[in-house]
């Protein structure tokens, strides 16, 4: 096979062997970067470290990303987009709002427990982004939060929007903190505890609390 058949896009538009290899190397770099940044923090990771993690030199990283900032932007923007896409799918395919809320909790749990490096990077490194990257991530994250707000207010129309946002952010905080301390020997146990806690907290809306029978104090 000639070099041109490998390196140049075919007339049919199918990706070439070289383009596929380059895309795979780029994905490898993103995975390695997420792990190293989660482990050491963004300032503690050099391009040489990233290259070594995937078997290339530090300068070769520039073939895929113009600088380290661009790599962090792609990681954090992609996290936000994945959360938004997953949350949108749950909300749009689950008509009953209570079922939708359970689906959102399950989706966020799956993401947080399945991608602990990404969650750590998201929580710790937002301020390391350049201004433009911060704006893009912030806008996408707000759209994800609004999915939760809409579902919560469909369950309880009396719930103020500001309270619904607070509840959503508190749930993210509960779930996202777990990859730092979860017992790796019992992932299903950790997930079950978090699910119960999240759903119990999200059920504490004004209407639900008002409907509870008054508790009498005991001496």
Foldseek 3Di string as FASTA:
>chain_A
DDPCQQCPQDPVRDDHVVVVVLVVVLVLLLLLQLQVCLVQNLVVDALQNSCVSSVHGSVVVCVPPVDSLRSLLVLLLVVLVVLLVQLVVLLVVDPQLVSSLLSNLVVLLCCCLVCVSSLSCNVPCLVVHDPVSNVSSVVSNVSSLVSQLVSLCVVPVVADSVNSSVLSVVLNVLRSVQSVPPDPVCSVVVSVVSSVVSSVSSCPGPVNVVPDDDDDDDD
